PDB file of N, CA and C in Angstrom:
ATOM      1  N   UNK A   1      -7.908 -20.539   5.684  1.00  0.00           N
ATOM      2  CA  UNK A   1      -8.979 -20.412   5.714  1.00  0.00           C
ATOM      3  C   UNK A   1     -10.457 -20.862   4.632  1.00  0.00           C
ATOM      4  N   UNK A   2     -10.536 -22.228   5.126  1.00  0.00           N
ATOM      5  CA  UNK A   2     -11.410 -22.758   4.301  1.00  0.00           C
ATOM      6  C   UNK A   2     -12.799 -22.065   4.151  1.00  0.00           C
ATOM      7  N   UNK A   3     -13.166 -22.445   3.087  1.00  0.00           N
ATOM      8  CA  UNK A   3     -14.759 -21.424   2.961  1.00  0.00           C
ATOM      9  C   UNK A   3     -14.501 -20.203   2.053  1.00  0.00           C
ATOM     10  N   UNK A   4     -13.184 -19.553   2.177  1.00  0.00           N
ATOM     11  CA  UNK A   4     -12.980 -17.840   1.514  1.00  0.00           C
ATOM     12  C   UNK A   4     -12.388 -18.220   0.575  1.00  0.00           C
ATOM     13  N   UNK A   5     -12.845 -18.003  -0.681  1.00  0.00           N
ATOM     14  CA  UNK A   5     -12.604 -17.613  -1.710  1.00  0.00           C
ATOM     15  C   UNK A   5     -11.948 -16.549  -2.295  1.00  0.00           C
ATOM     16  N   UNK A   6     -12.073 -15.250  -2.123  1.00  0.00           N
ATOM     17  CA  UNK A   6     -11.239 -14.481  -2.081  1.00  0.00           C
ATOM     18  C   UNK A   6     -11.618 -13.156  -1.376  1.00  0.00           C
ATOM     19  N   UNK A   7     -10.507 -12.302  -1.376  1.00  0.00           N
ATOM     20  CA  UNK A   7     -10.308 -11.393  -0.354  1.00  0.00           C
ATOM     21  C   UNK A   7     -10.148 -10.121  -0.851  1.00  0.00           C
ATOM     22  N   UNK A   8     -11.140  -9.168  -0.843  1.00  0.00           N
ATOM     23  CA  UNK A   8     -10.990  -7.619  -1.156  1.00  0.00           C
ATOM     24  C   UNK A   8     -10.842  -6.495  -0.421  1.00  0.00           C
ATOM     25  N   UNK A   9      -9.715  -5.674  -0.648  1.00  0.00           N
ATOM     26  CA  UNK A   9      -9.749  -4.786   0.647  1.00  0.00           C
ATOM     27  C   UNK A   9      -9.993  -2.919   0.056  1.00  0.00           C
ATOM     28  N   UNK A  10      -9.657  -2.317   1.059  1.00  0.00           N
ATOM     29  CA  UNK A  10     -10.591  -1.040   0.703  1.00  0.00           C
ATOM     30  C   UNK A  10      -9.650   0.186   0.984  1.00  0.00           C
ATOM     31  N   UNK A  11      -9.654   0.419   2.414  1.00  0.00           N
ATOM     32  CA  UNK A  11      -8.599   1.638   2.271  1.00  0.00           C
ATOM     33  C   UNK A  11      -7.345   1.210   3.244  1.00  0.00           C
ATOM     34  N   UNK A  12      -6.177   2.273   2.692  1.00  0.00           N
ATOM     35  CA  UNK A  12      -4.692   1.797   3.795  1.00  0.00           C
ATOM     36  C   UNK A  12      -3.700   3.324   3.203  1.00  0.00           C
ATOM     37  N   UNK A  13      -2.693   3.115   4.241  1.00  0.00           N
ATOM     38  CA  UNK A  13      -1.913   4.305   3.975  1.00  0.00           C
ATOM     39  C   UNK A  13      -0.818   3.675   4.036  1.00  0.00           C
ATOM     40  N   UNK A  14       0.355   5.087   3.428  1.00  0.00           N
ATOM     41  CA  UNK A  14       1.527   4.491   3.411  1.00  0.00           C
ATOM     42  C   UNK A  14       2.389   4.164   4.711  1.00  0.00           C
ATOM     43  N   UNK A  15       2.194   5.084   5.780  1.00  0.00           N
ATOM     44  CA  UNK A  15       3.391   5.058   6.471  1.00  0.00           C
ATOM     45  C   UNK A  15       3.451   3.769   7.408  1.00  0.00           C
ATOM     46  N   UNK A  16       2.584   3.095   7.906  1.00  0.00           N
ATOM     47  CA  UNK A  16       2.596   1.776   8.522  1.00  0.00           C
ATOM     48  C   UNK A  16       3.533   0.750   7.159  1.00  0.00           C
ATOM     49  N   UNK A  17       3.059   0.837   6.313  1.00  0.00           N
ATOM     50  CA  UNK A  17       3.964  -0.056   5.098  1.00  0.00           C
ATOM     51  C   UNK A  17       5.636   0.191   5.194  1.00  0.00           C
ATOM     52  N   UNK A  18       5.735   1.706   5.279  1.00  0.00           N
ATOM     53  CA  UNK A  18       7.287   1.975   5.347  1.00  0.00           C
ATOM     54  C   UNK A  18       7.909   2.202   6.561  1.00  0.00           C
ATOM     55  N   UNK A  19       6.929   1.909   7.690  1.00  0.00           N
ATOM     56  CA  UNK A  19       7.568   1.796   8.634  1.00  0.00           C
ATOM     57  C   UNK A  19       7.783   0.411   9.450  1.00  0.00           C
ATOM     58  N   UNK A  20       6.923  -0.291   8.805  1.00  0.00           N
ATOM     59  CA  UNK A  20       7.557  -1.880   9.107  1.00  0.00           C
ATOM     60  C   UNK A  20       7.176  -2.558   7.760  1.00  0.00           C
ATOM     61  N   UNK A  21       8.173  -2.547   7.051  1.00  0.00           N
ATOM     62  CA  UNK A  21       8.152  -3.426   5.369  1.00  0.00           C
ATOM     63  C   UNK A  21       7.615  -4.831   5.447  1.00  0.00           C
ATOM     64  N   UNK A  22       8.136  -5.302   6.397  1.00  0.00           N
ATOM     65  CA  UNK A  22       8.115  -6.395   6.635  1.00  0.00           C
ATOM     66  C   UNK A  22       6.889  -7.539   7.341  1.00  0.00           C
ATOM     67  N   UNK A  23       5.777  -6.470   6.887  1.00  0.00           N
ATOM     68  CA  UNK A  23       4.225  -7.058   7.265  1.00  0.00           C
ATOM     69  C   UNK A  23       3.834  -7.496   6.077  1.00  0.00           C
ATOM     70  N   UNK A  24       4.062  -6.809   4.769  1.00  0.00           N
ATOM     71  CA  UNK A  24       3.566  -7.220   3.585  1.00  0.00           C
ATOM     72  C   UNK A  24       3.580  -8.025   3.346  1.00  0.00           C
ATOM     73  N   UNK A  25       5.162  -8.898   3.321  1.00  0.00           N
ATOM     74  CA  UNK A  25       5.176 -10.299   2.835  1.00  0.00           C
ATOM     75  C   UNK A  25       3.786 -11.467   3.834  1.00  0.00           C
ATOM     76  N   UNK A  26       4.010 -10.983   4.770  1.00  0.00           N
ATOM     77  CA  UNK A  26       3.134 -11.770   6.287  1.00  0.00           C
ATOM     78  C   UNK A  26       1.353 -11.497   5.600  1.00  0.00           C
ATOM     79  N   UNK A  27       1.216 -10.632   4.656  1.00  0.00           N
ATOM     80  CA  UNK A  27       0.006 -10.368   4.201  1.00  0.00           C
ATOM     81  C   UNK A  27      -0.616 -11.106   2.761  1.00  0.00           C
ATOM     82  N   UNK A  28       0.321 -12.250   2.428  1.00  0.00           N
ATOM     83  CA  UNK A  28       0.436 -12.647   1.380  1.00  0.00           C
ATOM     84  C   UNK A  28      -0.867 -13.669   0.899  1.00  0.00           C
ATOM     85  N   UNK A  29      -1.505 -13.731   1.975  1.00  0.00           N
ATOM     86  CA  UNK A  29      -2.872 -14.316   1.925  1.00  0.00           C
ATOM     87  C   UNK A  29      -3.791 -13.508   0.864  1.00  0.00           C
ATOM     88  N   UNK A  30      -3.548 -12.159   1.168  1.00  0.00           N
ATOM     89  CA  UNK A  30      -4.482 -10.973   0.768  1.00  0.00           C
ATOM     90  C   UNK A  30      -4.158 -11.099  -0.762  1.00  0.00           C
ATOM     91  N   UNK A  31      -2.803 -11.562  -1.383  1.00  0.00           N
ATOM     92  CA  UNK A  31      -2.636 -11.789  -2.791  1.00  0.00           C
ATOM     93  C   UNK A  31      -3.425 -12.883  -3.203  1.00  0.00           C
ATOM     94  N   UNK A  32      -2.929 -14.255  -2.346  1.00  0.00           N
ATOM     95  CA  UNK A  32      -3.255 -15.257  -2.593  1.00  0.00           C
ATOM     96  C   UNK A  32      -4.609 -15.578  -3.046  1.00  0.00           C
ATOM     97  N   UNK A  33      -5.386 -14.850  -2.028  1.00  0.00           N
ATOM     98  CA  UNK A  33      -7.262 -14.762  -2.422  1.00  0.00           C
ATOM     99  C   UNK A  33      -7.621 -13.411  -3.344  1.00  0.00           C
ATOM    100  N   UNK A  34      -7.013 -13.028  -3.985  1.00  0.00           N
ATOM    101  CA  UNK A  34      -7.671 -11.735  -4.848  1.00  0.00           C
ATOM    102  C   UNK A  34      -8.203 -12.287  -6.276  1.00  0.00           C
ATOM    103  N   UNK A  35      -9.136 -11.323  -6.662  1.00  0.00           N
ATOM    104  CA  UNK A  35      -9.542 -11.603  -7.739  1.00  0.00           C
ATOM    105  C   UNK A  35      -9.334 -11.270  -8.968  1.00  0.00           C
ATOM    106  N   UNK A  36      -7.773 -10.035  -8.915  1.00  0.00           N
ATOM    107  CA  UNK A  36      -7.444  -9.487 -10.024  1.00  0.00           C
ATOM    108  C   UNK A  36      -6.229 -10.265 -10.451  1.00  0.00           C
ATOM    109  N   UNK A  37      -5.839  -9.971 -11.815  1.00  0.00           N
ATOM    110  CA  UNK A  37      -4.799 -10.381 -12.669  1.00  0.00           C
ATOM    111  C   UNK A  37      -4.499  -9.198 -13.137  1.00  0.00           C
ATOM    112  N   UNK A  38      -3.104  -9.346 -13.215  1.00  0.00           N
ATOM    113  CA  UNK A  38      -2.307  -8.356 -14.332  1.00  0.00           C
ATOM    114  C   UNK A  38      -1.111  -8.906 -15.209  1.00  0.00           C
ATOM    115  N   UNK A  39      -0.538  -8.674 -16.000  1.00  0.00           N
ATOM    116  CA  UNK A  39       0.470  -9.232 -16.687  1.00  0.00           C
ATOM    117  C   UNK A  39       1.723  -8.776 -15.747  1.00  0.00           C
ATOM    118  N   UNK A  40       1.805  -7.209 -15.032  1.00  0.00           N
ATOM    119  CA  UNK A  40       2.914  -7.117 -14.559  1.00  0.00           C
ATOM    120  C   UNK A  40       2.986  -7.745 -13.246  1.00  0.00           C
ATOM    121  N   UNK A  41       2.320  -8.475 -12.584  1.00  0.00           N
ATOM    122  CA  UNK A  41       2.627  -9.343 -11.019  1.00  0.00           C
ATOM    123  C   UNK A  41       3.418 -10.482 -11.536  1.00  0.00           C
ATOM    124  N   UNK A  42       4.623 -10.501 -10.692  1.00  0.00           N
ATOM    125  CA  UNK A  42       5.510 -11.449 -11.003  1.00  0.00           C
ATOM    126  C   UNK A  42       5.108 -12.847 -10.217  1.00  0.00           C
ATOM    127  N   UNK A  43       3.839 -13.378 -10.066  1.00  0.00           N
ATOM    128  CA  UNK A  43       3.312 -14.537  -9.485  1.00  0.00           C
ATOM    129  C   UNK A  43       2.767 -14.960 -10.632  1.00  0.00           C
ATOM    130  N   UNK A  44       3.180 -16.748 -10.684  1.00  0.00           N
ATOM    131  CA  UNK A  44       3.158 -17.479 -11.770  1.00  0.00           C
ATOM    132  C   UNK A  44       1.064 -17.476 -12.439  1.00  0.00           C
ATOM    133  N   UNK A  45       0.475 -17.072 -11.216  1.00  0.00           N
ATOM    134  CA  UNK A  45      -1.069 -16.573 -11.808  1.00  0.00           C
ATOM    135  C   UNK A  45      -1.443 -15.410 -11.682  1.00  0.00           C
ATOM    136  N   UNK A  46      -0.192 -14.315 -11.802  1.00  0.00           N
ATOM    137  CA  UNK A  46      -0.401 -12.896 -12.078  1.00  0.00           C
ATOM    138  C   UNK A  46      -1.734 -12.113 -11.416  1.00  0.00           C
ATOM    139  N   UNK A  47      -1.732 -12.925 -10.130  1.00  0.00           N
ATOM    140  CA  UNK A  47      -2.616 -11.955  -9.251  1.00  0.00           C
ATOM    141  C   UNK A  47      -1.692 -10.816  -8.566  1.00  0.00           C
ATOM    142  N   UNK A  48      -2.620  -9.907  -8.221  1.00  0.00           N
ATOM    143  CA  UNK A  48      -2.036  -8.878  -7.472  1.00  0.00           C
ATOM    144  C   UNK A  48      -3.251  -8.319  -6.308  1.00  0.00           C
ATOM    145  N   UNK A  49      -2.999  -7.620  -5.381  1.00  0.00           N
ATOM    146  CA  UNK A  49      -4.048  -6.907  -4.584  1.00  0.00           C
ATOM    147  C   UNK A  49      -3.925  -5.390  -4.734  1.00  0.00           C
ATOM    148  N   UNK A  50      -5.175  -5.139  -4.180  1.00  0.00           N
ATOM    149  CA  UNK A  50      -5.320  -3.473  -4.545  1.00  0.00           C
ATOM    150  C   UNK A  50      -6.239  -2.952  -3.438  1.00  0.00           C
ATOM    151  N   UNK A  51      -5.886  -1.527  -3.123  1.00  0.00           N
ATOM    152  CA  UNK A  51      -6.021  -0.896  -2.161  1.00  0.00           C
ATOM    153  C   UNK A  51      -6.228   0.503  -2.606  1.00  0.00           C
ATOM    154  N   UNK A  52      -7.153   1.447  -1.866  1.00  0.00           N
ATOM    155  CA  UNK A  52      -7.201   2.617  -2.029  1.00  0.00           C
ATOM    156  C   UNK A  52      -6.014   3.294  -0.944  1.00  0.00           C
ATOM    157  N   UNK A  53      -5.572   3.934  -1.206  1.00  0.00           N
ATOM    158  CA  UNK A  53      -4.628   5.057  -0.862  1.00  0.00           C
ATOM    159  C   UNK A  53      -4.701   6.412  -0.688  1.00  0.00           C
ATOM    160  N   UNK A  54      -4.908   7.045   0.173  1.00  0.00           N
ATOM    161  CA  UNK A  54      -5.185   8.626   0.154  1.00  0.00           C
ATOM    162  C   UNK A  54      -3.571   8.857   0.266  1.00  0.00           C
ATOM    163  N   UNK A  55      -3.153   9.595  -0.905  1.00  0.00           N
ATOM    164  CA  UNK A  55      -2.055  10.179  -1.093  1.00  0.00           C
ATOM    165  C   UNK A  55      -2.262  11.898  -0.384  1.00  0.00           C
ATOM    166  N   UNK A  56      -3.414  12.337  -0.745  1.00  0.00           N
ATOM    167  CA  UNK A  56      -3.872  13.647  -0.403  1.00  0.00           C
ATOM    168  C   UNK A  56      -3.337  14.589  -0.903  1.00  0.00           C
ATOM    169  N   UNK A  57      -1.778  15.048  -0.599  1.00  0.00           N
ATOM    170  CA  UNK A  57      -1.040  15.693  -1.634  1.00  0.00           C
ATOM    171  C   UNK A  57       0.402  15.475  -1.306  1.00  0.00           C
ATOM    172  N   UNK A  58       1.301  16.427  -2.362  1.00  0.00           N
ATOM    173  CA  UNK A  58       2.592  16.011  -2.389  1.00  0.00           C
ATOM    174  C   UNK A  58       3.290  17.122  -1.481  1.00  0.00           C
ATOM    175  N   UNK A  59       2.505  18.177  -1.106  1.00  0.00           N
ATOM    176  CA  UNK A  59       3.233  19.708  -0.510  1.00  0.00           C
ATOM    177  C   UNK A  59       3.258  19.584   0.860  1.00  0.00           C
ATOM    178  N   UNK A  60       4.169  19.607   1.287  1.00  0.00           N
ATOM    179  CA  UNK A  60       4.980  19.235   2.733  1.00  0.00           C
ATOM    180  C   UNK A  60       4.020  20.552   3.629  1.00  0.00           C
ATOM    181  N   UNK A  61       3.921  21.834   2.893  1.00  0.00           N
ATOM    182  CA  UNK A  61       3.234  22.742   3.517  1.00  0.00           C
ATOM    183  C   UNK A  61       1.930  22.210   4.115  1.00  0.00           C
ATOM    184  N   UNK A  62       1.435  21.825   3.018  1.00  0.00           N
ATOM    185  CA  UNK A  62      -0.559  21.522   3.308  1.00  0.00           C
ATOM    186  C   UNK A  62      -0.651  20.058   4.208  1.00  0.00           C
ATOM    187  N   UNK A  63       0.716  19.191   3.941  1.00  0.00           N
ATOM    188  CA  UNK A  63       1.084  18.105   4.927  1.00  0.00           C
ATOM    189  C   UNK A  63       1.034  18.921   5.919  1.00  0.00           C
ATOM    190  N   UNK A  64       1.589  19.698   6.681  1.00  0.00           N
ATOM    191  CA  UNK A  64       2.023  19.723   8.017  1.00  0.00           C
ATOM    192  C   UNK A  64       1.053  21.009   8.238  1.00  0.00           C
ATOM    193  N   UNK A  65       0.293  22.050   7.434  1.00  0.00           N
ATOM    194  CA  UNK A  65      -0.887  21.959   8.243  1.00  0.00           C
ATOM    195  C   UNK A  65      -2.164  21.497   8.480  1.00  0.00           C
ATOM    196  N   UNK A  66      -2.176  20.506   7.543  1.00  0.00           N
ATOM    197  CA  UNK A  66      -3.610  19.933   7.682  1.00  0.00           C
ATOM    198  C   UNK A  66      -3.802  18.134   8.187  1.00  0.00           C
ATOM    199  N   UNK A  67      -2.608  17.742   7.991  1.00  0.00           N
ATOM    200  CA  UNK A  67      -2.656  16.187   7.987  1.00  0.00           C
ATOM    201  C   UNK A  67      -1.147  15.535   8.727  1.00  0.00           C
ATOM    202  N   UNK A  68      -0.455  16.218   9.209  1.00  0.00           N
ATOM    203  CA  UNK A  68       0.712  15.865  10.057  1.00  0.00           C
ATOM    204  C   UNK A  68       0.637  14.538  10.633  1.00  0.00           C
ATOM    205  N   UNK A  69      -0.357  14.131  11.724  1.00  0.00           N
ATOM    206  CA  UNK A  69      -0.480  12.841  12.241  1.00  0.00           C
ATOM    207  C   UNK A  69      -0.842  11.825  10.980  1.00  0.00           C
ATOM    208  N   UNK A  70      -0.970  12.131  10.144  1.00  0.00           N
ATOM    209  CA  UNK A  70      -1.497  10.835   8.715  1.00  0.00           C
ATOM    210  C   UNK A  70      -0.318  10.321   8.965  1.00  0.00           C
ATOM    211  N   UNK A  71       1.295  11.034   8.507  1.00  0.00           N
ATOM    212  CA  UNK A  71       2.243  10.137   8.147  1.00  0.00           C
ATOM    213  C   UNK A  71       3.258   9.535   9.408  1.00  0.00           C
ATOM    214  N   UNK A  72       2.552   9.661  10.603  1.00  0.00           N
ATOM    215  CA  UNK A  72       3.207   8.854  11.978  1.00  0.00           C
ATOM    216  C   UNK A  72       3.619   7.820  11.495  1.00  0.00           C
ATOM    217  N   UNK A  73       4.738   7.163  11.892  1.00  0.00           N
ATOM    218  CA  UNK A  73       6.328   8.102  12.861  1.00  0.00           C
ATOM    219  C   UNK A  73       6.815   8.910  12.227  1.00  0.00           C
ATOM    220  N   UNK A  74       6.613   9.237  10.640  1.00  0.00           N
ATOM    221  CA  UNK A  74       7.328  10.157   9.639  1.00  0.00           C
ATOM    222  C   UNK A  74       7.091  11.262  10.407  1.00  0.00           C
ATOM    223  N   UNK A  75       8.354  12.339   9.600  1.00  0.00           N
ATOM    224  CA  UNK A  75       7.783  13.936   9.902  1.00  0.00           C
ATOM    225  C   UNK A  75       7.019  14.346   8.705  1.00  0.00           C
ATOM    226  N   UNK A  76       6.524  15.193   8.689  1.00  0.00           N
ATOM    227  CA  UNK A  76       5.520  15.759   7.385  1.00  0.00           C
ATOM    228  C   UNK A  76       6.633  16.220   6.146  1.00  0.00           C
ATOM    229  N   UNK A  77       7.871  16.029   6.821  1.00  0.00           N
ATOM    230  CA  UNK A  77       9.085  16.642   5.899  1.00  0.00           C
ATOM    231  C   UNK A  77       9.319  15.152   4.647  1.00  0.00           C
ATOM    232  N   UNK A  78       8.896  14.101   5.324  1.00  0.00           N
ATOM    233  CA  UNK A  78       9.212  13.155   5.055  1.00  0.00           C
ATOM    234  C   UNK A  78       8.402  12.514   3.801  1.00  0.00           C
ATOM    235  N   UNK A  79       7.103  13.205   4.225  1.00  0.00           N
ATOM    236  CA  UNK A  79       5.838  12.276   3.350  1.00  0.00           C
ATOM    237  C   UNK A  79       6.178  12.112   1.938  1.00  0.00           C
ATOM    238  N   UNK A  80       6.559  12.932   0.923  1.00  0.00           N
ATOM    239  CA  UNK A  80       7.278  12.574  -0.306  1.00  0.00           C
ATOM    240  C   UNK A  80       7.736  11.258  -0.440  1.00  0.00           C
ATOM    241  N   UNK A  81       8.783  11.284   0.418  1.00  0.00           N
ATOM    242  CA  UNK A  81      10.085   9.997   0.427  1.00  0.00           C
ATOM    243  C   UNK A  81       8.907   8.727   0.751  1.00  0.00           C
ATOM    244  N   UNK A  82       7.977   8.954   1.819  1.00  0.00           N
ATOM    245  CA  UNK A  82       7.311   7.709   2.146  1.00  0.00           C
ATOM    246  C   UNK A  82       6.392   7.035   1.347  1.00  0.00           C
ATOM    247  N   UNK A  83       5.936   8.254   0.502  1.00  0.00           N
ATOM    248  CA  UNK A  83       4.796   7.552  -0.264  1.00  0.00           C
ATOM    249  C   UNK A  83       5.623   6.769  -1.719  1.00  0.00           C
ATOM    250  N   UNK A  84       6.990   7.437  -2.476  1.00  0.00           N
ATOM    251  CA  UNK A  84       7.544   6.526  -3.484  1.00  0.00           C
ATOM    252  C   UNK A  84       7.930   5.016  -2.664  1.00  0.00           C
ATOM    253  N   UNK A  85       8.560   5.278  -1.630  1.00  0.00           N
ATOM    254  CA  UNK A  85       9.532   3.852  -0.412  1.00  0.00           C
ATOM    255  C   UNK A  85       7.858   3.267  -0.593  1.00  0.00           C
ATOM    256  N   UNK A  86       6.567   3.713  -0.142  1.00  0.00           N
ATOM    257  CA  UNK A  86       5.471   2.795   0.224  1.00  0.00           C
ATOM    258  C   UNK A  86       5.355   2.069  -1.029  1.00  0.00           C
ATOM    259  N   UNK A  87       5.645   2.793  -2.351  1.00  0.00           N
ATOM    260  CA  UNK A  87       4.551   2.092  -3.527  1.00  0.00           C
ATOM    261  C   UNK A  87       6.053   1.114  -3.776  1.00  0.00           C
ATOM    262  N   UNK A  88       7.276   1.527  -3.750  1.00  0.00           N
ATOM    263  CA  UNK A  88       8.089   0.319  -4.095  1.00  0.00           C
ATOM    264  C   UNK A  88       8.144  -0.884  -3.118  1.00  0.00           C
ATOM    265  N   UNK A  89       7.768  -0.619  -2.050  1.00  0.00           N
ATOM    266  CA  UNK A  89       7.343  -2.018  -1.244  1.00  0.00           C
ATOM    267  C   UNK A  89       6.294  -2.771  -1.413  1.00  0.00           C
ATOM    268  N   UNK A  90       5.331  -1.838  -1.935  1.00  0.00           N
ATOM    269  CA  UNK A  90       3.927  -2.538  -2.159  1.00  0.00           C
ATOM    270  C   UNK A  90       3.942  -3.045  -3.598  1.00  0.00           C
ATOM    271  N   UNK A  91       4.318  -2.761  -4.525  1.00  0.00           N
ATOM    272  CA  UNK A  91       4.944  -2.979  -6.038  1.00  0.00           C
ATOM    273  C   UNK A  91       5.323  -4.316  -6.023  1.00  0.00           C
ATOM    274  N   UNK A  92       6.654  -4.315  -5.247  1.00  0.00           N
ATOM    275  CA  UNK A  92       7.880  -5.530  -4.940  1.00  0.00           C
ATOM    276  C   UNK A  92       6.828  -6.788  -4.649  1.00  0.00           C
ATOM    277  N   UNK A  93       5.986  -6.386  -3.901  1.00  0.00           N
ATOM    278  CA  UNK A  93       5.233  -7.757  -3.327  1.00  0.00           C
ATOM    279  C   UNK A  93       3.678  -8.108  -4.046  1.00  0.00           C
ATOM    280  N   UNK A  94       3.804  -7.570  -5.061  1.00  0.00           N
ATOM    281  CA  UNK A  94       2.272  -7.286  -5.953  1.00  0.00           C
ATOM    282  C   UNK A  94       1.325  -6.919  -5.510  1.00  0.00           C
ATOM    283  N   UNK A  95       1.262  -5.798  -4.968  1.00  0.00           N
ATOM    284  CA  UNK A  95       0.148  -4.918  -4.482  1.00  0.00           C
ATOM    285  C   UNK A  95       0.362  -3.642  -5.169  1.00  0.00           C
ATOM    286  N   UNK A  96      -1.066  -3.248  -6.093  1.00  0.00           N
ATOM    287  CA  UNK A  96      -1.099  -1.983  -7.106  1.00  0.00           C
ATOM    288  C   UNK A  96      -1.975  -1.279  -6.482  1.00  0.00           C
ATOM    289  N   UNK A  97      -1.670  -0.429  -5.596  1.00  0.00           N
ATOM    290  CA  UNK A  97      -2.731   0.430  -5.204  1.00  0.00           C
ATOM    291  C   UNK A  97      -2.946   1.809  -5.739  1.00  0.00           C
ATOM    292  N   UNK A  98      -4.570   1.934  -5.797  1.00  0.00           N
ATOM    293  CA  UNK A  98      -5.513   3.142  -6.357  1.00  0.00           C
ATOM    294  C   UNK A  98      -4.574   4.361  -5.741  1.00  0.00           C
ATOM    295  N   UNK A  99      -4.231   5.084  -5.834  1.00  0.00           N
ATOM    296  CA  UNK A  99      -3.783   6.305  -5.123  1.00  0.00           C
ATOM    297  C   UNK A  99      -4.562   7.775  -5.483  1.00  0.00           C
ATOM    298  N   UNK A 100      -4.932   8.191  -4.530  1.00  0.00           N
ATOM    299  CA  UNK A 100      -6.111   9.256  -5.230  1.00  0.00           C
ATOM    300  C   UNK A 100      -5.378  10.772  -4.336  1.00  0.00           C
TER     301      UNK A 100
END
């Protein structure tokens, strides 16, 4: 990507990350072009990428009532596990999201 020095991201969601974890290493370019560094990054240059992830709730009951489509293809009952698995996948690939 000639001429592009940095890439900044905004928002994402966990369900696609858990449904297709193999896509995160394919997005390595976003980490390569990040302005962020942190000692917890496993890269030699300590770069990491971030994005905002809306957790919204850890309550399965509230998730079922207000956001059941957010976790597709997973069931609302799986949402807490999807969040934990998604963070694991992201962190392992030097993505450190801000969760709200």
